[in-house]
Amino acid sequence: MTPSHQRRRRQTAARRRRRRRALLAVAITLVAVAVAVAVVMAFAGEGAAHESTATGGHRPLDHGATATATAPAAARSPIGLPLGKPALALTGIGAGGRESNRDPVHHAFPEPPHAGLLFNLSTGQVLWQHNAYARLRIASLTKMMTALITVTSAPPDAPVPITKEAVEMPGSKLGVLPLGKHVKLETLLYGLLLPSGNDAAVALAQHVAGTVDKFVTRMNVEAAKLGMGCTRYSSPSGYYDQDNFSCAADLALLAHVDLEQPRIASVVRTYSAILPFPIKGGKLYIYNNNPLLIYKYPGVTGMKTGETEAAGRCLVATAERHGVRLGVVLLHSPDPGTQAAYLLNRGFEGVYHQAPVPAPPIPPGA
């Protein structure tokens, strides 16, 4: 082999080594870039998850959670609908709906509810608060919206057909709905709000909207229109907790709106009712399960109870004395009747300087 041939072979070998080194460098660079992108995405995902938990996101807090959601700054509901102007402007809510030194009423319960609010139904002034924007399960407080859509959509004497789906609803119910017959709408409204009938909720939803799914869509649309930025509905009854949640602030707003409807206001202040019903004897006897009505709290005007394993015991209670209208919302409370009566008394007597009104005690756990 001549010297020139040897020189060319050495040059060729050197070029091959340079190409291999260049390819190896490119490969190392690509791997480094891929690792960097993966790390950035992991941190971004963790940050988004943290933000969702801290602010309420689009999912409710776990029923045992104690974290709070901040006031909904975005102009959209949990399912992305634009929010309307709130029907009642709540004033005096602290950061995140937590207790504030400016609250007229200060009280720390030994076993507090997971969330709660005491407020003036007429002015929106907040008197006491605890995690007011925390998104929690609400059980049958859901029926407050079902009632609102029902009374604004159908007359009281409308005949409502009773379907198999309504009759077979589990949980609290009227239990005597006659399959295939018709029941007067106002009778079902009482059955919805007094004994908290899940069967009545389904029957009303199907009558008003054609199907339960269409009715639930209307519930979410109405919540957004009312400015309820915490709230998402997945059923007309609240029996199923999945994707069905709200917060104390939104429920205070809804209580105000409901009581503006004379039909609802008349029903929720009623302890017992005898109603026309297509069964033997022609009458249905039903009773309210609101502890403030059961134990005759002075001035009570309503409104709704709720309970599931996930939601715990919930109560929206309202009362009026000497022209002052107060409301209290308690979510996942260990003792809703006693806690509601205590807060209302503190409002009437401590804030509005009314004389105490003698009343029978509400037993613990009522």
Foldseek 3Di string as FASTA:
>chain_A
DDPVVVVVVVVVVVVVVVVVVVVVVVVVVVVVVVVVVVVVVVVVVVVVVVVCVQAVALFADFLPDLHAHFDPPDQAASVGHGAADAPADAPDQDGRQAFDPPALDDDDDPFAFSWKWKAFLPHNYTRGTHSQRHKFQAFQLLLLLLLVLLVVQDDQQDWFAQDPVLQPDDDFALNPADHGGTDGLLVLSLRCWASNHSSSQQRSQCVRQVHQQRSQVVSSVVLRHNRQRSAHDDGSRSNDRGRGIGGNSSSSSSVSVQCVDVSQQVSFQDAWDWAADPDVVRIGITGGPQLCNVQVPPFWRGDHWGDDPRFATWDWTWGDDPHTIMIMTGTNGQFVNQVRSVVVCCCCCVVVNDDDDDGDDRDGRD
